[in-house]
Amino acid sequence: MRRTLPCLLGVVAIAVLAGCSSEPRTLGAIPASPDAPTASASPTTSPPTPTPTPTPGEATVTILPDCASLLTPDEIRSATRAQNAEYLWAEDDFDGSFLPGPVAQQAFASASAAVTCTYGIPMTDAIASVSVALISPATSENLIDALSSSARYTATTHGDIPVFSMTIEEGLGSTIAYAFDANVWAIADGTFLSEETAASLAVTAITGVVAAPQ
């Protein structure tokens, strides 16, 4: 069996208020009529400056959890929609060589740290793996560009998290999803996953990793 895996908008308004200064009156000068209208400048209110919206890549994760704490049983079952799915084992030797495409393979090989965990339904062929890897911003950008230009992947967004998923027909068949946030890349790949549940599993994993204290 093939191992499965995984702006600050500033708005500034400048108003220049022009005032009229009167010259000293000389003898014989005719004063202005008291009924003459006086021009007044309307005050200009500057619009409030919007609060910056956090975007992927602002945080830096330095520590990855182990498989025992990457996903809870409830998170696994909710994401996969399989009520009897559970954690099975850690994939200590996963090197990303089975990932589809050289760009993904090279990106995983360049990771400064990675953890891969296997989940599934015991005594069945229903199995899935989730990997989280720390990669550089340049590597992440390069991989996202490659995925965006590929017709094979379905691109979605979960909040600020870009996700790419694809169904693989070869072998037993599986579905893979990639999620990106901060300097973390999450990969979910499984024989019993749909593109939706694979994406959910990857997003659940990456959200927990990025939110964890460093």
N, C-alpha and C. Protein backbone atom coordinates (compact mmCIF):
# COMPACT_ATOMS: atom_id res chain seq x y z
N MET A 1 0.84 -1.18 0.00
CA MET A 1 0.00 0.00 0.00
C MET A 1 0.88 1.23 0.00
N ARG A 2 0.59 2.21 -0.86
CA ARG A 2 1.33 3.45 -0.88
C ARG A 2 1.01 4.24 0.36
N ARG A 3 2.04 4.78 0.99
CA ARG A 3 1.80 5.56 2.19
C ARG A 3 1.13 6.86 1.83
N THR A 4 0.10 7.16 2.50
CA THR A 4 -0.58 8.41 2.21
C THR A 4 -0.11 9.49 3.13
N LEU A 5 -0.33 10.53 2.81
CA LEU A 5 0.10 11.58 3.67
C LEU A 5 -1.11 12.43 4.10
N PRO A 6 -0.02 13.74 4.07
CA PRO A 6 -0.47 15.02 3.95
C PRO A 6 0.62 15.88 3.26
N CYS A 7 -2.59 43.47 4.46
CA CYS A 7 -1.99 44.75 3.78
C CYS A 7 -2.26 46.22 5.05
N LEU A 8 -1.42 47.15 5.17
CA LEU A 8 -2.09 48.00 6.12
C LEU A 8 -2.69 49.02 5.24
N LEU A 9 -4.02 49.02 5.19
CA LEU A 9 -4.61 50.07 4.37
C LEU A 9 -4.70 51.29 5.24
N GLY A 10 -4.04 52.26 4.81
CA GLY A 10 -4.14 53.51 5.55
C GLY A 10 -4.93 54.47 4.70
N VAL A 11 -5.89 55.18 5.29
CA VAL A 11 -6.62 56.18 4.52
C VAL A 11 -6.42 57.49 5.24
N VAL A 12 -5.75 58.44 4.55
CA VAL A 12 -5.46 59.72 5.21
C VAL A 12 -6.13 60.82 4.41
N ALA A 13 -6.94 61.64 5.01
CA ALA A 13 -7.58 62.75 4.31
C ALA A 13 -6.98 64.02 4.83
N ILE A 14 -6.52 64.91 3.94
CA ILE A 14 -5.90 66.18 4.36
C ILE A 14 -6.83 67.31 3.93
N ALA A 15 -7.26 68.08 4.85
CA ALA A 15 -8.13 69.21 4.50
C ALA A 15 -7.40 70.49 4.79
N VAL A 16 -7.40 71.40 3.83
CA VAL A 16 -6.75 72.70 4.02
C VAL A 16 -7.85 73.74 4.18
N LEU A 17 -7.89 74.31 5.33
CA LEU A 17 -8.92 75.31 5.60
C LEU A 17 -8.34 76.70 5.32
N ALA A 18 -8.97 77.45 4.44
CA ALA A 18 -8.46 78.77 4.08
C ALA A 18 -9.19 79.82 4.90
N GLY A 19 -8.46 80.72 5.57
CA GLY A 19 -9.08 81.81 6.35
C GLY A 19 -8.87 83.14 5.66
N CYS A 20 -9.68 84.12 5.97
CA CYS A 20 -9.57 85.45 5.37
C CYS A 20 -9.03 86.41 6.41
N SER A 21 -7.97 87.10 6.09
CA SER A 21 -7.41 88.09 7.01
C SER A 21 -7.75 89.47 6.47
N SER A 22 -8.28 90.35 7.29
CA SER A 22 -8.69 91.68 6.83
C SER A 22 -7.57 92.67 7.03
N GLU A 23 -7.38 93.56 6.05
CA GLU A 23 -6.38 94.61 6.12
C GLU A 23 -6.89 95.72 7.04
N PRO A 24 -6.03 96.51 7.69
CA PRO A 24 -6.50 97.62 8.55
C PRO A 24 -7.28 98.62 7.74
N ARG A 25 -8.38 99.08 8.30
CA ARG A 25 -9.20 100.04 7.58
C ARG A 25 -8.53 101.41 7.54
N THR A 26 -8.73 102.08 6.42
CA THR A 26 -8.24 103.46 6.29
C THR A 26 -9.42 104.40 6.40
N LEU A 27 -9.11 105.68 6.68
CA LEU A 27 -10.19 106.66 6.78
C LEU A 27 -10.97 106.70 5.50
N GLY A 28 -12.22 106.74 5.59
CA GLY A 28 -13.07 106.83 4.42
C GLY A 28 -13.45 105.47 3.88
N ALA A 29 -12.95 104.43 4.48
CA ALA A 29 -13.30 103.10 3.97
C ALA A 29 -14.73 102.80 4.33
N ILE A 30 -15.41 102.17 3.41
CA ILE A 30 -16.81 101.82 3.62
C ILE A 30 -16.88 100.42 4.21
N PRO A 31 -17.42 100.28 5.39
CA PRO A 31 -17.50 98.95 6.00
C PRO A 31 -18.44 98.05 5.22
N ALA A 32 -18.18 96.82 5.33
CA ALA A 32 -19.04 95.85 4.63
C ALA A 32 -20.41 95.86 5.27
N SER A 33 -21.40 95.58 4.43
CA SER A 33 -22.77 95.55 4.91
C SER A 33 -22.93 94.44 5.92
N PRO A 34 -23.58 94.72 7.03
CA PRO A 34 -23.78 93.66 8.03
C PRO A 34 -24.62 92.52 7.52
N ASP A 35 -25.36 92.80 6.42
CA ASP A 35 -26.19 91.73 5.87
C ASP A 35 -25.44 90.86 4.88
N ALA A 36 -24.19 91.25 4.57
CA ALA A 36 -23.46 90.46 3.58
C ALA A 36 -23.15 89.09 4.15
N PRO A 37 -23.35 88.05 3.39
CA PRO A 37 -23.09 86.68 3.89
C PRO A 37 -21.61 86.48 4.15
N THR A 38 -21.32 85.75 5.17
CA THR A 38 -19.95 85.43 5.52
C THR A 38 -19.66 83.98 5.18
N ALA A 39 -18.63 83.78 4.39
CA ALA A 39 -18.29 82.40 3.99
C ALA A 39 -17.66 81.68 5.16
N SER A 40 -18.09 80.51 5.37
CA SER A 40 -17.50 79.69 6.44
C SER A 40 -17.06 78.36 5.87
N ALA A 41 -15.98 77.88 6.40
CA ALA A 41 -15.45 76.60 5.92
C ALA A 41 -16.06 75.47 6.72
N SER A 42 -16.52 74.46 6.00
CA SER A 42 -17.09 73.29 6.67
C SER A 42 -15.98 72.42 7.22
N PRO A 43 -16.08 72.03 8.46
CA PRO A 43 -15.03 71.16 9.01
C PRO A 43 -14.99 69.81 8.28
N THR A 44 -13.81 69.33 8.10
CA THR A 44 -13.63 68.05 7.42
C THR A 44 -13.21 66.99 8.43
N THR A 45 -13.92 65.89 8.45
CA THR A 45 -13.60 64.81 9.39
C THR A 45 -12.84 63.71 8.67
N SER A 46 -11.70 63.34 9.21
CA SER A 46 -10.91 62.27 8.60
C SER A 46 -11.53 60.93 8.95
N PRO A 47 -11.66 60.05 7.99
CA PRO A 47 -12.22 58.73 8.27
C PRO A 47 -11.29 57.95 9.19
N PRO A 48 -11.82 57.06 10.01
CA PRO A 48 -10.97 56.27 10.92
C PRO A 48 -10.05 55.34 10.16
N THR A 49 -8.88 55.14 10.72
CA THR A 49 -7.92 54.22 10.11
C THR A 49 -8.31 52.79 10.45
N PRO A 50 -8.50 51.92 9.44
CA PRO A 50 -8.92 50.55 9.72
C PRO A 50 -7.83 49.77 10.44
N THR A 51 -8.26 48.80 11.23
CA THR A 51 -7.32 47.92 11.92
C THR A 51 -6.74 46.93 10.94
N PRO A 52 -5.43 46.72 10.95
CA PRO A 52 -4.83 45.77 10.01
C PRO A 52 -5.39 44.37 10.21
N THR A 53 -5.58 43.67 9.12
CA THR A 53 -6.06 42.30 9.17
C THR A 53 -4.88 41.35 9.12
N PRO A 54 -4.74 40.45 10.08
CA PRO A 54 -3.62 39.51 10.06
C PRO A 54 -3.65 38.66 8.80
N THR A 55 -2.52 38.38 8.26
CA THR A 55 -2.43 37.55 7.06
C THR A 55 -1.46 36.41 7.31
N PRO A 56 -1.60 35.32 6.59
CA PRO A 56 -0.67 34.21 6.77
C PRO A 56 0.76 34.66 6.57
N GLY A 57 1.64 34.20 7.38
CA GLY A 57 3.04 34.52 7.24
C GLY A 57 3.55 35.49 8.30
N GLU A 58 2.64 36.10 9.12
CA GLU A 58 3.07 37.05 10.13
C GLU A 58 3.68 36.35 11.34
N ALA A 59 3.12 35.22 11.70
CA ALA A 59 3.63 34.50 12.86
C ALA A 59 4.78 33.59 12.45
N THR A 60 5.57 33.20 13.43
CA THR A 60 6.64 32.25 13.18
C THR A 60 6.56 31.12 14.20
N VAL A 61 6.33 29.95 13.71
CA VAL A 61 6.25 28.77 14.57
C VAL A 61 7.63 28.14 14.66
N THR A 62 8.06 27.81 15.84
CA THR A 62 9.37 27.20 16.02
C THR A 62 9.29 25.80 16.60
N ILE A 63 8.13 25.46 17.20
CA ILE A 63 7.98 24.16 17.84
C ILE A 63 6.78 23.43 17.27
N LEU A 64 6.97 22.20 16.88
CA LEU A 64 5.88 21.37 16.39
C LEU A 64 5.47 20.38 17.48
N PRO A 65 4.18 20.09 17.59
CA PRO A 65 3.74 19.11 18.59
C PRO A 65 4.06 17.69 18.13
N ASP A 66 4.02 16.76 19.07
CA ASP A 66 4.17 15.37 18.67
C ASP A 66 2.80 14.83 18.28
N CYS A 67 2.78 13.60 17.84
CA CYS A 67 1.53 13.03 17.35
C CYS A 67 0.47 12.89 18.43
N ALA A 68 0.91 12.74 19.67
CA ALA A 68 -0.05 12.59 20.76
C ALA A 68 -0.87 13.84 20.99
N SER A 69 -0.34 15.00 20.58
CA SER A 69 -1.04 16.26 20.84
C SER A 69 -1.36 17.06 19.58
N LEU A 70 -1.02 16.53 18.42
CA LEU A 70 -1.31 17.25 17.18
C LEU A 70 -2.81 17.39 16.97
N LEU A 71 -3.54 16.30 17.09
CA LEU A 71 -4.99 16.31 16.94
C LEU A 71 -5.62 15.47 18.05
N THR A 72 -6.71 15.97 18.62
CA THR A 72 -7.43 15.21 19.62
C THR A 72 -8.34 14.20 18.92
N PRO A 73 -8.79 13.16 19.62
CA PRO A 73 -9.72 12.21 19.00
C PRO A 73 -10.97 12.89 18.45
N ASP A 74 -11.51 13.86 19.18
CA ASP A 74 -12.71 14.56 18.70
C ASP A 74 -12.42 15.35 17.43
N GLU A 75 -11.23 15.96 17.36
CA GLU A 75 -10.87 16.71 16.15
C GLU A 75 -10.72 15.78 14.96
N ILE A 76 -10.14 14.63 15.18
CA ILE A 76 -9.97 13.65 14.10
C ILE A 76 -11.33 13.22 13.57
N ARG A 77 -12.21 12.85 14.47
CA ARG A 77 -13.52 12.33 14.06
C ARG A 77 -14.40 13.41 13.44
N SER A 78 -14.31 14.63 13.97
CA SER A 78 -15.10 15.72 13.40
C SER A 78 -14.62 16.08 12.01
N ALA A 79 -13.31 16.16 11.83
CA ALA A 79 -12.76 16.54 10.53
C ALA A 79 -12.99 15.46 9.48
N THR A 80 -12.83 14.19 9.87
CA THR A 80 -12.97 13.10 8.90
C THR A 80 -14.40 12.60 8.77
N ARG A 81 -15.27 12.98 9.71
CA ARG A 81 -16.65 12.49 9.75
C ARG A 81 -16.71 10.97 9.90
N ALA A 82 -15.72 10.44 10.54
CA ALA A 82 -15.68 9.01 10.84
C ALA A 82 -15.61 8.86 12.35
N GLN A 83 -16.69 8.43 12.97
CA GLN A 83 -16.79 8.41 14.41
C GLN A 83 -15.89 7.38 15.09
N ASN A 84 -15.38 6.43 14.33
CA ASN A 84 -14.49 5.44 14.92
C ASN A 84 -13.04 5.61 14.47
N ALA A 85 -12.73 6.75 13.86
CA ALA A 85 -11.34 7.02 13.47
C ALA A 85 -10.54 7.38 14.71
N GLU A 86 -9.27 6.99 14.71
CA GLU A 86 -8.41 7.26 15.85
C GLU A 86 -6.96 7.37 15.43
N TYR A 87 -6.14 7.84 16.37
CA TYR A 87 -4.70 7.93 16.11
C TYR A 87 -4.12 6.52 16.11
N LEU A 88 -3.26 6.25 15.13
CA LEU A 88 -2.67 4.92 15.02
C LEU A 88 -1.19 4.91 15.35
N TRP A 89 -0.38 5.67 14.62
CA TRP A 89 1.06 5.67 14.88
C TRP A 89 1.74 6.89 14.27
N ALA A 90 2.99 7.10 14.65
CA ALA A 90 3.80 8.19 14.09
C ALA A 90 4.62 7.65 12.92
N GLU A 91 4.74 8.44 11.89
CA GLU A 91 5.53 8.09 10.72
C GLU A 91 6.88 8.79 10.81
N ASP A 92 7.79 8.20 11.53
CA ASP A 92 9.07 8.85 11.76
C ASP A 92 9.95 8.95 10.52
N ASP A 93 9.72 8.07 9.54
CA ASP A 93 10.60 8.06 8.37
C ASP A 93 9.98 8.70 7.14
N PHE A 94 8.87 9.41 7.29
CA PHE A 94 8.25 10.04 6.12
C PHE A 94 9.12 11.18 5.62
N ASP A 95 9.49 11.14 4.34
CA ASP A 95 10.38 12.15 3.78
C ASP A 95 9.74 12.99 2.67
N GLY A 96 8.47 12.80 2.40
CA GLY A 96 7.78 13.57 1.38
C GLY A 96 8.00 13.11 -0.04
N SER A 97 8.73 12.02 -0.22
CA SER A 97 9.03 11.55 -1.58
C SER A 97 7.80 11.03 -2.30
N PHE A 98 6.73 10.71 -1.58
CA PHE A 98 5.50 10.22 -2.20
C PHE A 98 4.53 11.35 -2.55
N LEU A 99 4.88 12.58 -2.22
CA LEU A 99 4.00 13.69 -2.54
C LEU A 99 3.93 13.89 -4.05
N PRO A 100 2.78 14.24 -4.57
CA PRO A 100 2.65 14.45 -6.01
C PRO A 100 3.36 15.72 -6.47
N GLY A 101 4.32 15.56 -7.36
CA GLY A 101 4.99 16.70 -7.96
C GLY A 101 6.31 17.04 -7.31
N PRO A 102 7.30 17.40 -8.12
CA PRO A 102 8.63 17.71 -7.59
C PRO A 102 8.67 18.96 -6.71
N VAL A 103 7.81 19.94 -6.96
CA VAL A 103 7.83 21.16 -6.16
C VAL A 103 7.44 20.84 -4.71
N ALA A 104 6.42 20.03 -4.53
CA ALA A 104 6.01 19.63 -3.19
C ALA A 104 7.07 18.76 -2.53
N GLN A 105 7.65 17.86 -3.27
CA GLN A 105 8.69 16.99 -2.73
C GLN A 105 9.89 17.80 -2.26
N GLN A 106 10.31 18.75 -3.08
CA GLN A 106 11.46 19.59 -2.72
C GLN A 106 11.13 20.48 -1.52
N ALA A 107 9.90 20.97 -1.47
CA ALA A 107 9.49 21.83 -0.35
C ALA A 107 9.54 21.05 0.96
N PHE A 108 9.07 19.82 0.93
CA PHE A 108 9.09 19.02 2.16
C PHE A 108 10.52 18.68 2.55
N ALA A 109 11.35 18.38 1.56
CA ALA A 109 12.75 18.05 1.85
C ALA A 109 13.48 19.23 2.48
N SER A 110 13.04 20.47 2.19
CA SER A 110 13.71 21.66 2.71
C SER A 110 13.21 22.06 4.09
N ALA A 111 12.20 21.35 4.61
CA ALA A 111 11.60 21.73 5.90
C ALA A 111 12.62 21.66 7.03
N SER A 112 12.57 22.64 7.92
CA SER A 112 13.48 22.64 9.06
C SER A 112 13.02 21.67 10.14
N ALA A 113 11.75 21.32 10.12
CA ALA A 113 11.21 20.34 11.06
C ALA A 113 9.89 19.83 10.49
N ALA A 114 9.56 18.59 10.80
CA ALA A 114 8.31 18.01 10.31
C ALA A 114 7.86 16.89 11.24
N VAL A 115 6.55 16.73 11.33
CA VAL A 115 5.95 15.64 12.10
C VAL A 115 4.86 15.03 11.23
N THR A 116 4.85 13.70 11.15
CA THR A 116 3.83 13.00 10.37
C THR A 116 3.14 11.96 11.26
N CYS A 117 1.83 12.01 11.29
CA CYS A 117 1.05 11.10 12.15
C CYS A 117 0.00 10.38 11.31
N THR A 118 -0.25 9.14 11.66
CA THR A 118 -1.20 8.31 10.92
C THR A 118 -2.46 8.09 11.75
N TYR A 119 -3.61 8.23 11.09
CA TYR A 119 -4.91 8.03 11.71
C TYR A 119 -5.71 7.07 10.84
N GLY A 120 -6.75 6.50 11.38
CA GLY A 120 -7.57 5.62 10.58
C GLY A 120 -8.60 4.88 11.38
N ILE A 121 -9.25 3.96 10.70
CA ILE A 121 -10.25 3.11 11.33
C ILE A 121 -9.61 1.74 11.51
N PRO A 122 -9.41 1.30 12.71
CA PRO A 122 -8.73 0.02 12.95
C PRO A 122 -9.36 -1.15 12.19
N MET A 123 -8.50 -2.07 11.77
CA MET A 123 -8.89 -3.30 11.07
C MET A 123 -9.52 -3.04 9.71
N THR A 124 -9.25 -1.89 9.13
CA THR A 124 -9.75 -1.59 7.79
C THR A 124 -8.65 -0.94 6.97
N ASP A 125 -8.93 -0.72 5.69
CA ASP A 125 -8.00 0.00 4.82
C ASP A 125 -8.21 1.51 4.88
N ALA A 126 -9.10 1.94 5.76
CA ALA A 126 -9.35 3.38 5.90
C ALA A 126 -8.23 3.98 6.73
N ILE A 127 -7.35 4.70 6.07
CA ILE A 127 -6.16 5.25 6.72
C ILE A 127 -5.87 6.64 6.18
N ALA A 128 -5.31 7.47 7.02
CA ALA A 128 -4.96 8.84 6.61
C ALA A 128 -3.76 9.29 7.39
N SER A 129 -2.96 10.13 6.79
CA SER A 129 -1.82 10.70 7.49
C SER A 129 -1.90 12.22 7.44
N VAL A 130 -1.37 12.83 8.50
CA VAL A 130 -1.31 14.29 8.58
C VAL A 130 0.12 14.68 8.89
N SER A 131 0.68 15.54 8.06
CA SER A 131 2.03 16.05 8.28
C SER A 131 1.96 17.55 8.48
N VAL A 132 2.79 18.06 9.39
CA VAL A 132 2.97 19.50 9.55
C VAL A 132 4.47 19.75 9.43
N ALA A 133 4.83 20.72 8.60
CA ALA A 133 6.24 21.01 8.34
C ALA A 133 6.49 22.50 8.40
N LEU A 134 7.69 22.87 8.87
CA LEU A 134 8.09 24.27 8.92
C LEU A 134 8.91 24.58 7.68
N ILE A 135 8.43 25.50 6.86
CA ILE A 135 9.11 25.84 5.63
C ILE A 135 9.30 27.35 5.55
N SER A 136 10.24 27.79 4.72
CA SER A 136 10.54 29.22 4.59
C SER A 136 9.43 29.93 3.81
N PRO A 137 9.28 31.26 4.01
CA PRO A 137 8.27 32.01 3.24
C PRO A 137 8.47 31.87 1.73
N ALA A 138 9.72 31.86 1.28
CA ALA A 138 9.98 31.73 -0.16
C ALA A 138 9.53 30.38 -0.67
N THR A 139 9.78 29.33 0.10
CA THR A 139 9.37 27.99 -0.29
C THR A 139 7.85 27.88 -0.32
N SER A 140 7.21 28.44 0.69
CA SER A 140 5.75 28.43 0.74
C SER A 140 5.15 29.16 -0.45
N GLU A 141 5.70 30.34 -0.77
CA GLU A 141 5.20 31.12 -1.90
C GLU A 141 5.38 30.38 -3.22
N ASN A 142 6.52 29.74 -3.37
CA ASN A 142 6.79 28.99 -4.59
C ASN A 142 5.83 27.83 -4.75
N LEU A 143 5.57 27.12 -3.67
CA LEU A 143 4.66 25.98 -3.72
C LEU A 143 3.22 26.43 -3.98
N ILE A 144 2.79 27.49 -3.31
CA ILE A 144 1.43 28.00 -3.53
C ILE A 144 1.25 28.45 -4.98
N ASP A 145 2.27 29.09 -5.54
CA ASP A 145 2.20 29.51 -6.95
C ASP A 145 2.04 28.29 -7.86
N ALA A 146 2.80 27.23 -7.59
CA ALA A 146 2.72 26.02 -8.41
C ALA A 146 1.34 25.37 -8.28
N LEU A 147 0.81 25.30 -7.09
CA LEU A 147 -0.50 24.69 -6.88
C LEU A 147 -1.60 25.52 -7.53
N SER A 148 -1.47 26.85 -7.45
CA SER A 148 -2.48 27.74 -8.04
C SER A 148 -2.54 27.61 -9.54
N SER A 149 -1.40 27.31 -10.16
CA SER A 149 -1.36 27.21 -11.62
C SER A 149 -1.70 25.81 -12.12
N SER A 150 -1.89 24.87 -11.21
CA SER A 150 -2.21 23.50 -11.62
C SER A 150 -3.72 23.30 -11.74
N ALA A 151 -4.13 22.69 -12.83
CA ALA A 151 -5.55 22.42 -13.03
C ALA A 151 -6.02 21.23 -12.21
N ARG A 152 -5.12 20.50 -11.60
CA ARG A 152 -5.48 19.29 -10.87
C ARG A 152 -6.01 19.59 -9.47
N TYR A 153 -5.66 20.75 -8.92
CA TYR A 153 -6.03 21.06 -7.55
C TYR A 153 -7.25 21.97 -7.47
N THR A 154 -8.06 21.74 -6.45
CA THR A 154 -9.17 22.62 -6.15
C THR A 154 -8.71 23.59 -5.07
N ALA A 155 -8.78 24.88 -5.36
CA ALA A 155 -8.32 25.90 -4.41
C ALA A 155 -9.50 26.46 -3.63
N THR A 156 -9.37 26.49 -2.31
CA THR A 156 -10.38 27.08 -1.45
C THR A 156 -9.67 27.92 -0.39
N THR A 157 -10.43 28.67 0.38
CA THR A 157 -9.87 29.47 1.46
C THR A 157 -10.69 29.26 2.72
N HIS A 158 -10.02 28.96 3.80
CA HIS A 158 -10.67 28.80 5.10
C HIS A 158 -10.19 29.95 5.98
N GLY A 159 -10.98 31.03 6.07
CA GLY A 159 -10.51 32.23 6.74
C GLY A 159 -9.37 32.82 5.93
N ASP A 160 -8.19 32.95 6.56
CA ASP A 160 -7.00 33.43 5.86
C ASP A 160 -6.11 32.29 5.38
N ILE A 161 -6.58 31.07 5.50
CA ILE A 161 -5.76 29.91 5.17
C ILE A 161 -6.07 29.40 3.78
N PRO A 162 -5.10 29.48 2.86
CA PRO A 162 -5.32 28.90 1.52
C PRO A 162 -5.19 27.38 1.58
N VAL A 163 -6.08 26.71 0.89
CA VAL A 163 -6.09 25.25 0.88
C VAL A 163 -6.20 24.75 -0.56
N PHE A 164 -5.45 23.69 -0.84
CA PHE A 164 -5.48 23.06 -2.16
C PHE A 164 -5.70 21.58 -1.97
N SER A 165 -6.68 21.03 -2.66
CA SER A 165 -6.99 19.61 -2.51
C SER A 165 -7.10 18.93 -3.87
N MET A 166 -6.86 17.63 -3.86
CA MET A 166 -6.88 16.87 -5.11
C MET A 166 -7.19 15.41 -4.81
N THR A 167 -7.94 14.78 -5.69
CA THR A 167 -8.21 13.35 -5.59
C THR A 167 -7.22 12.60 -6.46
N ILE A 168 -6.60 11.59 -5.89
CA ILE A 168 -5.61 10.78 -6.60
C ILE A 168 -6.25 9.43 -6.95
N GLU A 169 -6.26 9.09 -8.22
CA GLU A 169 -6.93 7.87 -8.67
C GLU A 169 -6.05 6.64 -8.62
N GLU A 170 -4.73 6.83 -8.65
CA GLU A 170 -3.84 5.68 -8.74
C GLU A 170 -3.88 4.82 -7.49
N GLY A 171 -3.57 3.53 -7.67
CA GLY A 171 -3.51 2.61 -6.54
C GLY A 171 -4.86 2.45 -5.88
N LEU A 172 -4.85 2.45 -4.55
CA LEU A 172 -6.10 2.35 -3.81
C LEU A 172 -6.95 3.61 -3.95
N GLY A 173 -6.31 4.67 -4.39
CA GLY A 173 -7.00 5.95 -4.49
C GLY A 173 -7.00 6.67 -3.16
N SER A 174 -6.78 7.96 -3.20
CA SER A 174 -6.78 8.75 -1.97
C SER A 174 -7.04 10.21 -2.32
N THR A 175 -7.19 11.01 -1.30
CA THR A 175 -7.38 12.45 -1.48
C THR A 175 -6.37 13.17 -0.63
N ILE A 176 -5.77 14.20 -1.19
CA ILE A 176 -4.74 14.96 -0.49
C ILE A 176 -5.13 16.43 -0.43
N ALA A 177 -4.78 17.08 0.66
CA ALA A 177 -5.06 18.51 0.82
C ALA A 177 -3.87 19.18 1.49
N TYR A 178 -3.54 20.37 1.04
CA TYR A 178 -2.47 21.19 1.61
C TYR A 178 -3.09 22.46 2.20
N ALA A 179 -2.60 22.87 3.37
CA ALA A 179 -3.03 24.13 3.99
C ALA A 179 -1.79 24.90 4.41
N PHE A 180 -1.84 26.22 4.31
CA PHE A 180 -0.68 27.07 4.60
C PHE A 180 -1.08 28.19 5.56
N ASP A 181 -0.27 28.36 6.61
CA ASP A 181 -0.46 29.48 7.52
C ASP A 181 0.85 29.72 8.24
N ALA A 182 1.20 31.01 8.42
CA ALA A 182 2.49 31.38 9.01
C ALA A 182 3.58 30.66 8.22
N ASN A 183 4.50 30.03 8.92
CA ASN A 183 5.55 29.27 8.23
C ASN A 183 5.28 27.77 8.30
N VAL A 184 4.01 27.42 8.43
CA VAL A 184 3.63 26.02 8.56
C VAL A 184 2.88 25.55 7.32
N TRP A 185 3.20 24.35 6.91
CA TRP A 185 2.52 23.67 5.81
C TRP A 185 1.92 22.39 6.38
N ALA A 186 0.62 22.22 6.24
CA ALA A 186 -0.04 21.00 6.70
C ALA A 186 -0.51 20.19 5.52
N ILE A 187 -0.35 18.89 5.62
CA ILE A 187 -0.72 17.97 4.55
C ILE A 187 -1.61 16.88 5.13
N ALA A 188 -2.77 16.68 4.55
CA ALA A 188 -3.65 15.58 4.94
C ALA A 188 -3.89 14.71 3.73
N ASP A 189 -3.70 13.41 3.88
CA ASP A 189 -3.84 12.49 2.76
C ASP A 189 -4.46 11.19 3.26
N GLY A 190 -5.50 10.73 2.62
CA GLY A 190 -6.11 9.51 3.13
C GLY A 190 -7.01 8.80 2.15
N THR A 191 -7.15 7.51 2.35
CA THR A 191 -7.98 6.69 1.48
C THR A 191 -9.47 6.87 1.76
N PHE A 192 -9.82 7.33 2.96
CA PHE A 192 -11.24 7.48 3.28
C PHE A 192 -11.65 8.95 3.38
N LEU A 193 -10.83 9.83 2.80
CA LEU A 193 -11.11 11.26 2.84
C LEU A 193 -11.67 11.76 1.52
N SER A 194 -12.57 12.74 1.61
CA SER A 194 -13.01 13.49 0.44
C SER A 194 -12.18 14.75 0.39
N GLU A 195 -12.31 15.52 -0.67
CA GLU A 195 -11.56 16.77 -0.73
C GLU A 195 -11.98 17.69 0.41
N GLU A 196 -13.24 17.65 0.78
CA GLU A 196 -13.74 18.49 1.87
C GLU A 196 -13.18 18.05 3.22
N THR A 197 -13.21 16.76 3.50
CA THR A 197 -12.72 16.30 4.80
C THR A 197 -11.20 16.35 4.89
N ALA A 198 -10.53 16.15 3.76
CA ALA A 198 -9.07 16.28 3.76
C ALA A 198 -8.68 17.72 4.07
N ALA A 199 -9.38 18.66 3.44
CA ALA A 199 -9.13 20.07 3.70
C ALA A 199 -9.40 20.41 5.16
N SER A 200 -10.49 19.88 5.70
CA SER A 200 -10.85 20.13 7.09
C SER A 200 -9.79 19.58 8.04
N LEU A 201 -9.27 18.41 7.73
CA LEU A 201 -8.24 17.80 8.57
C LEU A 201 -6.95 18.63 8.55
N ALA A 202 -6.55 19.08 7.37
CA ALA A 202 -5.34 19.89 7.25
C ALA A 202 -5.50 21.23 7.96
N VAL A 203 -6.66 21.86 7.82
CA VAL A 203 -6.91 23.15 8.46
C VAL A 203 -6.96 23.01 9.98
N THR A 204 -7.59 21.95 10.46
CA THR A 204 -7.64 21.71 11.90
C THR A 204 -6.25 21.55 12.48
N ALA A 205 -5.41 20.79 11.79
CA ALA A 205 -4.04 20.57 12.26
C ALA A 205 -3.23 21.86 12.26
N ILE A 206 -3.28 22.62 11.17
CA ILE A 206 -2.44 23.81 11.06
C ILE A 206 -2.92 24.91 12.02
N THR A 207 -4.22 24.99 12.25
CA THR A 207 -4.76 25.98 13.17
C THR A 207 -4.25 25.74 14.59
N GLY A 208 -4.24 24.47 14.99
CA GLY A 208 -3.75 24.14 16.30
C GLY A 208 -2.27 24.41 16.48
N VAL A 209 -1.49 24.12 15.45
CA VAL A 209 -0.04 24.33 15.51
C VAL A 209 0.28 25.81 15.61
N VAL A 210 -0.35 26.63 14.78
CA VAL A 210 -0.06 28.06 14.77
C VAL A 210 -0.54 28.74 16.07
N ALA A 211 -1.62 28.25 16.64
CA ALA A 211 -2.18 28.86 17.85
C ALA A 211 -1.45 28.43 19.12
N ALA A 212 -0.69 27.35 19.04
CA ALA A 212 -0.03 26.82 20.24
C ALA A 212 1.07 27.77 20.73
N PRO A 213 1.24 27.88 22.06
CA PRO A 213 2.31 28.72 22.61
C PRO A 213 3.67 28.25 22.11
N GLN A 214 4.56 29.22 21.84
CA GLN A 214 5.88 28.89 21.35
C GLN A 214 6.92 29.15 22.42
